[in-house]
Amino acid sequence: MAGLFPEPPKKCNDPKCPYHGKVRVHGRMLEGVVVSDRMQKTVVVRIDYLWRDKKYKRFEKRSSKIKAHNPPCLDAREGDIVRIMETRPLAKTVKFVVVQVVRRAGE
């Protein structure tokens, strides 16, 4: 992770943290809004994108929800804009990890 994103100010001992643990990130990098942070160390991120309708040759807004691991050193909350990256499967439905909080909800 050296060089890609700034190191978080807090330290953690989470083994699934990309900064302080043994998880490596690769593949897709997405940016979205945290819509739920009720799970332990997991957040649900909504990704908005444009989809082109071939028949009518127009674009429509679509979104998808992705579950991502939320390390304690980043501590993303509902309403935050975060950047997530793909990693190995961490749980049954978790295949992404939060690597940066772009903007906090109150800012």
PDB file of N, CA and C in Angstrom:
ATOM      1  N   MET A   1       0.817  -1.200   0.000  1.00  0.00           N
ATOM      2  CA  MET A   1       0.000   0.000   0.000  1.00  0.00           C
ATOM      3  C   MET A   1       0.857   1.259   0.000  1.00  0.00           C
ATOM      4  N   ALA A   2       2.153   1.091   0.080  1.00  0.00           N
ATOM      5  CA  ALA A   2       3.020   2.255   0.170  1.00  0.00           C
ATOM      6  C   ALA A   2       2.926   3.084  -1.108  1.00  0.00           C
ATOM      7  N   GLY A   3       2.592   4.360  -0.964  1.00  0.00           N
ATOM      8  CA  GLY A   3       2.557   5.256  -2.109  1.00  0.00           C
ATOM      9  C   GLY A   3       1.184   5.449  -2.730  1.00  0.00           C
ATOM     10  N   LEU A   4       0.292   4.472  -2.636  1.00  0.00           N
ATOM     11  CA  LEU A   4      -1.019   4.616  -3.266  1.00  0.00           C
ATOM     12  C   LEU A   4      -1.916   5.578  -2.496  1.00  0.00           C
ATOM     13  N   PHE A   5      -2.013   5.375  -1.180  1.00  0.00           N
ATOM     14  CA  PHE A   5      -2.894   6.179  -0.343  1.00  0.00           C
ATOM     15  C   PHE A   5      -2.128   6.624   0.891  1.00  0.00           C
ATOM     16  N   PRO A   6      -2.547   7.740   1.508  1.00  0.00           N
ATOM     17  CA  PRO A   6      -1.867   8.168   2.737  1.00  0.00           C
ATOM     18  C   PRO A   6      -2.143   7.202   3.883  1.00  0.00           C
ATOM     19  N   GLU A   7      -1.132   6.976   4.698  1.00  0.00           N
ATOM     20  CA  GLU A   7      -1.262   6.090   5.861  1.00  0.00           C
ATOM     21  C   GLU A   7      -2.239   6.702   6.870  1.00  0.00           C
ATOM     22  N   PRO A   8      -3.164   5.912   7.435  1.00  0.00           N
ATOM     23  CA  PRO A   8      -4.094   6.471   8.428  1.00  0.00           C
ATOM     24  C   PRO A   8      -3.349   6.890   9.697  1.00  0.00           C
ATOM     25  N   PRO A   9      -3.854   7.937  10.380  1.00  0.00           N
ATOM     26  CA  PRO A   9      -3.148   8.423  11.579  1.00  0.00           C
ATOM     27  C   PRO A   9      -3.185   7.449  12.744  1.00  0.00           C
ATOM     28  N   LYS A  10      -4.271   6.643  12.864  1.00  0.00           N
ATOM     29  CA  LYS A  10      -4.391   5.676  13.954  1.00  0.00           C
ATOM     30  C   LYS A  10      -3.753   4.349  13.553  1.00  0.00           C
ATOM     31  N   LYS A  11      -3.296   3.595  14.540  1.00  0.00           N
ATOM     32  CA  LYS A  11      -2.777   2.243  14.335  1.00  0.00           C
ATOM     33  C   LYS A  11      -3.831   1.243  14.793  1.00  0.00           C
ATOM     34  N   CYS A  12      -3.842   0.079  14.187  1.00  0.00           N
ATOM     35  CA  CYS A  12      -4.758  -0.981  14.609  1.00  0.00           C
ATOM     36  C   CYS A  12      -4.038  -2.315  14.530  1.00  0.00           C
ATOM     37  N   ASN A  13      -4.596  -3.326  15.165  1.00  0.00           N
ATOM     38  CA  ASN A  13      -4.016  -4.668  15.110  1.00  0.00           C
ATOM     39  C   ASN A  13      -4.960  -5.640  14.416  1.00  0.00           C
ATOM     40  N   ASP A  14      -5.710  -5.148  13.436  1.00  0.00           N
ATOM     41  CA  ASP A  14      -6.657  -5.961  12.665  1.00  0.00           C
ATOM     42  C   ASP A  14      -5.889  -6.750  11.606  1.00  0.00           C
ATOM     43  N   PRO A  15      -5.981  -8.081  11.587  1.00  0.00           N
ATOM     44  CA  PRO A  15      -5.253  -8.854  10.572  1.00  0.00           C
ATOM     45  C   PRO A  15      -5.780  -8.649   9.152  1.00  0.00           C
ATOM     46  N   LYS A  16      -7.015  -8.126   9.008  1.00  0.00           N
ATOM     47  CA  LYS A  16      -7.589  -7.888   7.687  1.00  0.00           C
ATOM     48  C   LYS A  16      -7.433  -6.444   7.228  1.00  0.00           C
ATOM     49  N   CYS A  17      -6.591  -5.668   7.901  1.00  0.00           N
ATOM     50  CA  CYS A  17      -6.341  -4.274   7.524  1.00  0.00           C
ATOM     51  C   CYS A  17      -5.280  -4.241   6.426  1.00  0.00           C
ATOM     52  N   PRO A  18      -5.486  -3.469   5.345  1.00  0.00           N
ATOM     53  CA  PRO A  18      -4.478  -3.416   4.284  1.00  0.00           C
ATOM     54  C   PRO A  18      -3.208  -2.672   4.694  1.00  0.00           C
ATOM     55  N   TYR A  19      -3.262  -1.867   5.753  1.00  0.00           N
ATOM     56  CA  TYR A  19      -2.100  -1.109   6.202  1.00  0.00           C
ATOM     57  C   TYR A  19      -1.321  -1.831   7.304  1.00  0.00           C
ATOM     58  N   HIS A  20      -2.026  -2.399   8.277  1.00  0.00           N
ATOM     59  CA  HIS A  20      -1.371  -2.978   9.446  1.00  0.00           C
ATOM     60  C   HIS A  20      -1.522  -4.494   9.537  1.00  0.00           C
ATOM     61  N   GLY A  21      -2.232  -5.099   8.596  1.00  0.00           N
ATOM     62  CA  GLY A  21      -2.441  -6.546   8.596  1.00  0.00           C
ATOM     63  C   GLY A  21      -1.732  -7.208   7.434  1.00  0.00           C
ATOM     64  N   LYS A  22      -2.227  -8.378   7.064  1.00  0.00           N
ATOM     65  CA  LYS A  22      -1.576  -9.158   6.012  1.00  0.00           C
ATOM     66  C   LYS A  22      -2.400  -9.237   4.731  1.00  0.00           C
ATOM     67  N   VAL A  23      -3.419  -8.402   4.586  1.00  0.00           N
ATOM     68  CA  VAL A  23      -4.273  -8.430   3.397  1.00  0.00           C
ATOM     69  C   VAL A  23      -3.656  -7.554   2.307  1.00  0.00           C
ATOM     70  N   ARG A  24      -3.596  -8.092   1.114  1.00  0.00           N
ATOM     71  CA  ARG A  24      -3.089  -7.330  -0.029  1.00  0.00           C
ATOM     72  C   ARG A  24      -4.261  -6.953  -0.927  1.00  0.00           C
ATOM     73  N   VAL A  25      -4.189  -5.760  -1.490  1.00  0.00           N
ATOM     74  CA  VAL A  25      -5.260  -5.306  -2.386  1.00  0.00           C
ATOM     75  C   VAL A  25      -4.784  -5.398  -3.824  1.00  0.00           C
ATOM     76  N   HIS A  26      -5.747  -5.609  -4.725  1.00  0.00           N
ATOM     77  CA  HIS A  26      -5.464  -5.709  -6.151  1.00  0.00           C
ATOM     78  C   HIS A  26      -6.787  -5.515  -6.888  1.00  0.00           C
ATOM     79  N   GLY A  27      -6.728  -5.416  -8.184  1.00  0.00           N
ATOM     80  CA  GLY A  27      -7.959  -5.377  -8.977  1.00  0.00           C
ATOM     81  C   GLY A  27      -8.651  -4.035  -8.971  1.00  0.00           C
ATOM     82  N   ARG A  28      -9.978  -4.066  -8.890  1.00  0.00           N
ATOM     83  CA  ARG A  28     -10.797  -2.870  -9.049  1.00  0.00           C
ATOM     84  C   ARG A  28     -10.693  -1.917  -7.861  1.00  0.00           C
ATOM     85  N   MET A  29     -10.727  -0.624  -8.176  1.00  0.00           N
ATOM     86  CA  MET A  29     -10.793   0.414  -7.160  1.00  0.00           C
ATOM     87  C   MET A  29     -12.062   1.211  -7.434  1.00  0.00           C
ATOM     88  N   LEU A  30     -12.959   1.306  -6.438  1.00  0.00           N
ATOM     89  CA  LEU A  30     -14.244   1.968  -6.601  1.00  0.00           C
ATOM     90  C   LEU A  30     -14.413   3.032  -5.531  1.00  0.00           C
ATOM     91  N   GLU A  31     -15.254   4.009  -5.822  1.00  0.00           N
ATOM     92  CA  GLU A  31     -15.549   5.071  -4.867  1.00  0.00           C
ATOM     93  C   GLU A  31     -17.058   5.163  -4.703  1.00  0.00           C
ATOM     94  N   GLY A  32     -17.516   5.271  -3.449  1.00  0.00           N
ATOM     95  CA  GLY A  32     -18.945   5.319  -3.201  1.00  0.00           C
ATOM     96  C   GLY A  32     -19.261   5.877  -1.830  1.00  0.00           C
ATOM     97  N   VAL A  33     -20.546   5.832  -1.484  1.00  0.00           N
ATOM     98  CA  VAL A  33     -21.049   6.381  -0.233  1.00  0.00           C
ATOM     99  C   VAL A  33     -21.421   5.231   0.701  1.00  0.00           C
ATOM    100  N   VAL A  34     -21.031   5.350   1.967  1.00  0.00           N
ATOM    101  CA  VAL A  34     -21.391   4.343   2.963  1.00  0.00           C
ATOM    102  C   VAL A  34     -22.862   4.537   3.322  1.00  0.00           C
ATOM    103  N   VAL A  35     -23.673   3.498   3.103  1.00  0.00           N
ATOM    104  CA  VAL A  35     -25.096   3.591   3.404  1.00  0.00           C
ATOM    105  C   VAL A  35     -25.465   2.854   4.687  1.00  0.00           C
ATOM    106  N   SER A  36     -24.580   1.980   5.179  1.00  0.00           N
ATOM    107  CA  SER A  36     -24.846   1.273   6.427  1.00  0.00           C
ATOM    108  C   SER A  36     -23.526   0.904   7.087  1.00  0.00           C
ATOM    109  N   ASP A  37     -23.466   1.126   8.416  1.00  0.00           N
ATOM    110  CA  ASP A  37     -22.285   0.726   9.177  1.00  0.00           C
ATOM    111  C   ASP A  37     -22.694  -0.055  10.428  1.00  0.00           C
ATOM    112  N   ARG A  38     -23.793  -0.772  10.348  1.00  0.00           N
ATOM    113  CA  ARG A  38     -24.336  -1.477  11.516  1.00  0.00           C
ATOM    114  C   ARG A  38     -23.612  -2.778  11.823  1.00  0.00           C
ATOM    115  N   MET A  39     -22.929  -3.360  10.852  1.00  0.00           N
ATOM    116  CA  MET A  39     -22.232  -4.619  11.093  1.00  0.00           C
ATOM    117  C   MET A  39     -20.892  -4.357  11.779  1.00  0.00           C
ATOM    118  N   GLN A  40     -20.334  -5.397  12.385  1.00  0.00           N
ATOM    119  CA  GLN A  40     -19.042  -5.267  13.042  1.00  0.00           C
ATOM    120  C   GLN A  40     -17.945  -5.301  11.985  1.00  0.00           C
ATOM    121  N   LYS A  41     -17.182  -4.221  11.865  1.00  0.00           N
ATOM    122  CA  LYS A  41     -16.034  -4.106  10.952  1.00  0.00           C
ATOM    123  C   LYS A  41     -16.404  -4.286   9.487  1.00  0.00           C
ATOM    124  N   THR A  42     -17.673  -4.065   9.130  1.00  0.00           N
ATOM    125  CA  THR A  42     -18.118  -4.162   7.740  1.00  0.00           C
ATOM    126  C   THR A  42     -19.063  -3.008   7.434  1.00  0.00           C
ATOM    127  N   VAL A  43     -18.925  -2.425   6.244  1.00  0.00           N
ATOM    128  CA  VAL A  43     -19.824  -1.359   5.805  1.00  0.00           C
ATOM    129  C   VAL A  43     -20.423  -1.741   4.456  1.00  0.00           C
ATOM    130  N   VAL A  44     -21.584  -1.158   4.147  1.00  0.00           N
ATOM    131  CA  VAL A  44     -22.220  -1.337   2.846  1.00  0.00           C
ATOM    132  C   VAL A  44     -22.013  -0.042   2.073  1.00  0.00           C
ATOM    133  N   VAL A  45     -21.408  -0.143   0.892  1.00  0.00           N
ATOM    134  CA  VAL A  45     -21.069   1.021   0.075  1.00  0.00           C
ATOM    135  C   VAL A  45     -21.929   1.011  -1.174  1.00  0.00           C
ATOM    136  N   ARG A  46     -22.600   2.156  -1.460  1.00  0.00           N
ATOM    137  CA  ARG A  46     -23.399   2.287  -2.672  1.00  0.00           C
ATOM    138  C   ARG A  46     -22.543   2.903  -3.767  1.00  0.00           C
ATOM    139  N   ILE A  47     -22.438   2.198  -4.898  1.00  0.00           N
ATOM    140  CA  ILE A  47     -21.667   2.661  -6.056  1.00  0.00           C
ATOM    141  C   ILE A  47     -22.663   3.116  -7.113  1.00  0.00           C
ATOM    142  N   ASP A  48     -22.607   4.391  -7.505  1.00  0.00           N
ATOM    143  CA  ASP A  48     -23.472   4.934  -8.555  1.00  0.00           C
ATOM    144  C   ASP A  48     -22.718   4.913  -9.881  1.00  0.00           C
ATOM    145  N   TYR A  49     -23.426   4.533 -10.945  1.00  0.00           N
ATOM    146  CA  TYR A  49     -22.806   4.508 -12.266  1.00  0.00           C
ATOM    147  C   TYR A  49     -23.864   4.775 -13.329  1.00  0.00           C
ATOM    148  N   LEU A  50     -23.420   5.069 -14.545  1.00  0.00           N
ATOM    149  CA  LEU A  50     -24.318   5.296 -15.677  1.00  0.00           C
ATOM    150  C   LEU A  50     -24.339   4.046 -16.544  1.00  0.00           C
ATOM    151  N   TRP A  51     -25.533   3.640 -16.969  1.00  0.00           N
ATOM    152  CA  TRP A  51     -25.710   2.478 -17.828  1.00  0.00           C
ATOM    153  C   TRP A  51     -26.370   2.930 -19.121  1.00  0.00           C
ATOM    154  N   ARG A  52     -25.829   2.509 -20.257  1.00  0.00           N
ATOM    155  CA  ARG A  52     -26.335   2.942 -21.559  1.00  0.00           C
ATOM    156  C   ARG A  52     -27.405   1.984 -22.061  1.00  0.00           C
ATOM    157  N   ASP A  53     -28.564   2.539 -22.384  1.00  0.00           N
ATOM    158  CA  ASP A  53     -29.655   1.770 -22.964  1.00  0.00           C
ATOM    159  C   ASP A  53     -29.405   1.691 -24.461  1.00  0.00           C
ATOM    160  N   LYS A  54     -29.195   0.490 -24.974  1.00  0.00           N
ATOM    161  CA  LYS A  54     -28.838   0.329 -26.388  1.00  0.00           C
ATOM    162  C   LYS A  54     -29.989   0.704 -27.325  1.00  0.00           C
ATOM    163  N   LYS A  55     -31.208   0.381 -26.923  1.00  0.00           N
ATOM    164  CA  LYS A  55     -32.346   0.639 -27.799  1.00  0.00           C
ATOM    165  C   LYS A  55     -32.607   2.130 -27.965  1.00  0.00           C
ATOM    166  N   TYR A  56     -32.651   2.848 -26.853  1.00  0.00           N
ATOM    167  CA  TYR A  56     -32.991   4.268 -26.897  1.00  0.00           C
ATOM    168  C   TYR A  56     -31.766   5.181 -26.930  1.00  0.00           C
ATOM    169  N   LYS A  57     -30.572   4.594 -26.865  1.00  0.00           N
ATOM    170  CA  LYS A  57     -29.308   5.337 -26.960  1.00  0.00           C
ATOM    171  C   LYS A  57     -29.245   6.465 -25.933  1.00  0.00           C
ATOM    172  N   ARG A  58     -29.619   6.125 -24.702  1.00  0.00           N
ATOM    173  CA  ARG A  58     -29.551   7.096 -23.603  1.00  0.00           C
ATOM    174  C   ARG A  58     -28.907   6.420 -22.402  1.00  0.00           C
ATOM    175  N   PHE A  59     -28.558   7.252 -21.442  1.00  0.00           N
ATOM    176  CA  PHE A  59     -27.954   6.746 -20.215  1.00  0.00           C
ATOM    177  C   PHE A  59     -28.953   6.842 -19.075  1.00  0.00           C
ATOM    178  N   GLU A  60     -28.887   5.873 -18.184  1.00  0.00           N
ATOM    179  CA  GLU A  60     -29.705   5.936 -16.986  1.00  0.00           C
ATOM    180  C   GLU A  60     -28.813   5.677 -15.773  1.00  0.00           C
ATOM    181  N   LYS A  61     -29.192   6.283 -14.646  1.00  0.00           N
ATOM    182  CA  LYS A  61     -28.426   6.112 -13.422  1.00  0.00           C
ATOM    183  C   LYS A  61     -28.794   4.780 -12.781  1.00  0.00           C
ATOM    184  N   ARG A  62     -27.778   4.054 -12.373  1.00  0.00           N
ATOM    185  CA  ARG A  62     -27.968   2.805 -11.654  1.00  0.00           C
ATOM    186  C   ARG A  62     -27.022   2.792 -10.467  1.00  0.00           C
ATOM    187  N   SER A  63     -27.287   1.904  -9.529  1.00  0.00           N
ATOM    188  CA  SER A  63     -26.402   1.789  -8.380  1.00  0.00           C
ATOM    189  C   SER A  63     -26.347   0.337  -7.936  1.00  0.00           C
ATOM    190  N   SER A  64     -25.261  -0.002  -7.255  1.00  0.00           N
ATOM    191  CA  SER A  64     -25.126  -1.328  -6.677  1.00  0.00           C
ATOM    192  C   SER A  64     -24.545  -1.180  -5.280  1.00  0.00           C
ATOM    193  N   LYS A  65     -24.861  -2.132  -4.427  1.00  0.00           N
ATOM    194  CA  LYS A  65     -24.360  -2.109  -3.055  1.00  0.00           C
ATOM    195  C   LYS A  65     -23.306  -3.189  -2.891  1.00  0.00           C
ATOM    196  N   ILE A  66     -22.179  -2.802  -2.301  1.00  0.00           N
ATOM    197  CA  ILE A  66     -21.056  -3.716  -2.099  1.00  0.00           C
ATOM    198  C   ILE A  66     -20.687  -3.699  -0.625  1.00  0.00           C
ATOM    199  N   LYS A  67     -20.487  -4.882  -0.053  1.00  0.00           N
ATOM    200  CA  LYS A  67     -20.021  -4.973   1.330  1.00  0.00           C
ATOM    201  C   LYS A  67     -18.504  -4.920   1.334  1.00  0.00           C
ATOM    202  N   ALA A  68     -17.948  -4.130   2.262  1.00  0.00           N
ATOM    203  CA  ALA A  68     -16.502  -3.969   2.348  1.00  0.00           C
ATOM    204  C   ALA A  68     -16.061  -4.017   3.800  1.00  0.00           C
ATOM    205  N   HIS A  69     -14.881  -4.569   4.034  1.00  0.00           N
ATOM    206  CA  HIS A  69     -14.320  -4.614   5.384  1.00  0.00           C
ATOM    207  C   HIS A  69     -13.883  -3.208   5.789  1.00  0.00           C
ATOM    208  N   ASN A  70     -14.203  -2.822   7.018  1.00  0.00           N
ATOM    209  CA  ASN A  70     -13.912  -1.484   7.533  1.00  0.00           C
ATOM    210  C   ASN A  70     -12.901  -1.610   8.672  1.00  0.00           C
ATOM    211  N   PRO A  71     -11.600  -1.362   8.402  1.00  0.00           N
ATOM    212  CA  PRO A  71     -10.603  -1.492   9.464  1.00  0.00           C
ATOM    213  C   PRO A  71     -10.806  -0.440  10.552  1.00  0.00           C
ATOM    214  N   PRO A  72     -10.477  -0.766  11.810  1.00  0.00           N
ATOM    215  CA  PRO A  72     -10.655   0.202  12.902  1.00  0.00           C
ATOM    216  C   PRO A  72      -9.819   1.471  12.746  1.00  0.00           C
ATOM    217  N   CYS A  73      -8.705   1.405  12.034  1.00  0.00           N
ATOM    218  CA  CYS A  73      -7.860   2.598  11.876  1.00  0.00           C
ATOM    219  C   CYS A  73      -8.507   3.630  10.955  1.00  0.00           C
ATOM    220  N   LEU A  74      -9.384   3.215  10.041  1.00  0.00           N
ATOM    221  CA  LEU A  74     -10.076   4.157   9.155  1.00  0.00           C
ATOM    222  C   LEU A  74     -11.439   4.538   9.712  1.00  0.00           C
ATOM    223  N   ASP A  75     -12.173   3.582  10.265  1.00  0.00           N
ATOM    224  CA  ASP A  75     -13.447   3.808  10.949  1.00  0.00           C
ATOM    225  C   ASP A  75     -14.423   4.649  10.116  1.00  0.00           C
ATOM    226  N   ALA A  76     -14.817   4.131   8.959  1.00  0.00           N
ATOM    227  CA  ALA A  76     -15.785   4.823   8.097  1.00  0.00           C
ATOM    228  C   ALA A  76     -17.172   4.725   8.704  1.00  0.00           C
ATOM    229  N   ARG A  77     -17.937   5.807   8.621  1.00  0.00           N
ATOM    230  CA  ARG A  77     -19.285   5.875   9.178  1.00  0.00           C
ATOM    231  C   ARG A  77     -20.295   6.144   8.068  1.00  0.00           C
ATOM    232  N   GLU A  78     -21.574   6.011   8.386  1.00  0.00           N
ATOM    233  CA  GLU A  78     -22.647   6.221   7.414  1.00  0.00           C
ATOM    234  C   GLU A  78     -22.605   7.649   6.881  1.00  0.00           C
ATOM    235  N   GLY A  79     -22.665   7.791   5.557  1.00  0.00           N
ATOM    236  CA  GLY A  79     -22.619   9.096   4.909  1.00  0.00           C
ATOM    237  C   GLY A  79     -21.235   9.471   4.392  1.00  0.00           C
ATOM    238  N   ASP A  80     -20.188   8.770   4.827  1.00  0.00           N
ATOM    239  CA  ASP A  80     -18.832   9.061   4.357  1.00  0.00           C
ATOM    240  C   ASP A  80     -18.662   8.622   2.907  1.00  0.00           C
ATOM    241  N   ILE A  81     -17.832   9.351   2.180  1.00  0.00           N
ATOM    242  CA  ILE A  81     -17.436   8.934   0.838  1.00  0.00           C
ATOM    243  C   ILE A  81     -16.108   8.203   0.981  1.00  0.00           C
ATOM    244  N   VAL A  82     -16.070   6.948   0.529  1.00  0.00           N
ATOM    245  CA  VAL A  82     -14.895   6.110   0.733  1.00  0.00           C
ATOM    246  C   VAL A  82     -14.406   5.535  -0.586  1.00  0.00           C
ATOM    247  N   ARG A  83     -13.144   5.129  -0.580  1.00  0.00           N
ATOM    248  CA  ARG A  83     -12.541   4.426  -1.708  1.00  0.00           C
ATOM    249  C   ARG A  83     -12.284   2.995  -1.248  1.00  0.00           C
ATOM    250  N   ILE A  84     -12.748   2.010  -2.032  1.00  0.00           N
ATOM    251  CA  ILE A  84     -12.577   0.603  -1.679  1.00  0.00           C
ATOM    252  C   ILE A  84     -11.803  -0.098  -2.792  1.00  0.00           C
ATOM    253  N   MET A  85     -11.088  -1.146  -2.407  1.00  0.00           N
ATOM    254  CA  MET A  85     -10.341  -1.938  -3.386  1.00  0.00           C
ATOM    255  C   MET A  85     -10.630  -3.414  -3.196  1.00  0.00           C
ATOM    256  N   GLU A  86     -10.489  -4.145  -4.272  1.00  0.00           N
ATOM    257  CA  GLU A  86     -10.754  -5.573  -4.282  1.00  0.00           C
ATOM    258  C   GLU A  86      -9.626  -6.323  -3.580  1.00  0.00           C
ATOM    259  N   THR A  87      -9.972  -7.416  -2.931  1.00  0.00           N
ATOM    260  CA  THR A  87      -8.997  -8.254  -2.251  1.00  0.00           C
ATOM    261  C   THR A  87      -9.487  -9.700  -2.299  1.00  0.00           C
ATOM    262  N   ARG A  88      -8.795 -10.568  -1.603  1.00  0.00           N
ATOM    263  CA  ARG A  88      -9.247 -11.967  -1.528  1.00  0.00           C
ATOM    264  C   ARG A  88     -10.558 -12.022  -0.737  1.00  0.00           C
ATOM    265  N   PRO A  89     -11.336 -13.085  -0.869  1.00  0.00           N
ATOM    266  CA  PRO A  89     -12.567 -13.160  -0.081  1.00  0.00           C
ATOM    267  C   PRO A  89     -12.265 -13.185   1.417  1.00  0.00           C
ATOM    268  N   LEU A  90     -12.816 -12.198   2.141  1.00  0.00           N
ATOM    269  CA  LEU A  90     -12.613 -12.106   3.589  1.00  0.00           C
ATOM    270  C   LEU A  90     -13.743 -12.773   4.356  1.00  0.00           C
ATOM    271  N   ALA A  91     -14.901 -12.916   3.726  1.00  0.00           N
ATOM    272  CA  ALA A  91     -16.059 -13.589   4.309  1.00  0.00           C
ATOM    273  C   ALA A  91     -16.924 -14.070   3.146  1.00  0.00           C
ATOM    274  N   LYS A  92     -18.084 -14.595   3.448  1.00  0.00           N
ATOM    275  CA  LYS A  92     -18.949 -15.119   2.394  1.00  0.00           C
ATOM    276  C   LYS A  92     -19.329 -14.055   1.376  1.00  0.00           C
ATOM    277  N   THR A  93     -19.629 -12.829   1.839  1.00  0.00           N
ATOM    278  CA  THR A  93     -20.074 -11.777   0.927  1.00  0.00           C
ATOM    279  C   THR A  93     -19.127 -10.587   0.874  1.00  0.00           C
ATOM    280  N   VAL A  94     -17.986 -10.637   1.566  1.00  0.00           N
ATOM    281  CA  VAL A  94     -17.063  -9.498   1.630  1.00  0.00           C
ATOM    282  C   VAL A  94     -15.829  -9.801   0.797  1.00  0.00           C
ATOM    283  N   LYS A  95     -15.662  -9.028  -0.297  1.00  0.00           N
ATOM    284  CA  LYS A  95     -14.508  -9.199  -1.177  1.00  0.00           C
ATOM    285  C   LYS A  95     -13.797  -7.882  -1.451  1.00  0.00           C
ATOM    286  N   PHE A  96     -14.171  -6.834  -0.710  1.00  0.00           N
ATOM    287  CA  PHE A  96     -13.552  -5.521  -0.840  1.00  0.00           C
ATOM    288  C   PHE A  96     -13.134  -5.039   0.539  1.00  0.00           C
ATOM    289  N   VAL A  97     -12.218  -4.063   0.576  1.00  0.00           N
ATOM    290  CA  VAL A  97     -11.772  -3.476   1.827  1.00  0.00           C
ATOM    291  C   VAL A  97     -11.670  -1.962   1.643  1.00  0.00           C
ATOM    292  N   VAL A  98     -12.039  -1.203   2.678  1.00  0.00           N
ATOM    293  CA  VAL A  98     -11.945   0.255   2.641  1.00  0.00           C
ATOM    294  C   VAL A  98     -10.473   0.627   2.755  1.00  0.00           C
ATOM    295  N   VAL A  99      -9.963   1.425   1.799  1.00  0.00           N
ATOM    296  CA  VAL A  99      -8.562   1.831   1.834  1.00  0.00           C
ATOM    297  C   VAL A  99      -8.386   3.319   2.111  1.00  0.00           C
ATOM    298  N   GLN A 100      -9.464   4.125   1.948  1.00  0.00           N
ATOM    299  CA  GLN A 100      -9.349   5.558   2.183  1.00  0.00           C
ATOM    300  C   GLN A 100     -10.720   6.164   2.418  1.00  0.00           C
ATOM    301  N   VAL A 101     -10.796   7.071   3.385  1.00  0.00           N
ATOM    302  CA  VAL A 101     -12.003   7.858   3.575  1.00  0.00           C
ATOM    303  C   VAL A 101     -11.747   9.183   2.865  1.00  0.00           C
ATOM    304  N   VAL A 102     -12.439   9.409   1.748  1.00  0.00           N
ATOM    305  CA  VAL A 102     -12.226  10.602   0.930  1.00  0.00           C
ATOM    306  C   VAL A 102     -12.788  11.824   1.625  1.00  0.00           C
ATOM    307  N   ARG A 103     -14.028  11.714   2.139  1.00  0.00           N
ATOM    308  CA  ARG A 103     -14.656  12.841   2.830  1.00  0.00           C
ATOM    309  C   ARG A 103     -15.593  12.321   3.902  1.00  0.00           C
ATOM    310  N   ARG A 104     -15.516  12.909   5.074  1.00  0.00           N
ATOM    311  CA  ARG A 104     -16.391  12.537   6.183  1.00  0.00           C
ATOM    312  C   ARG A 104     -17.781  13.118   5.964  1.00  0.00           C
ATOM    313  N   ALA A 105     -18.781  12.569   6.634  1.00  0.00           N
ATOM    314  CA  ALA A 105     -20.174  12.964   6.420  1.00  0.00           C
ATOM    315  C   ALA A 105     -20.436  14.402   6.863  1.00  0.00           C
ATOM    316  N   GLY A 106     -19.802  14.864   7.928  1.00  0.00           N
ATOM    317  CA  GLY A 106     -20.095  16.203   8.439  1.00  0.00           C
ATOM    318  C   GLY A 106     -19.362  17.327   7.738  1.00  0.00           C
ATOM    319  N   GLU A 107     -18.423  17.021   6.883  1.00  0.00           N
ATOM    320  CA  GLU A 107     -17.597  18.063   6.242  1.00  0.00           C
ATOM    321  C   GLU A 107     -18.297  18.683   5.055  1.00  0.00           C
TER     322      GLU A 107
END
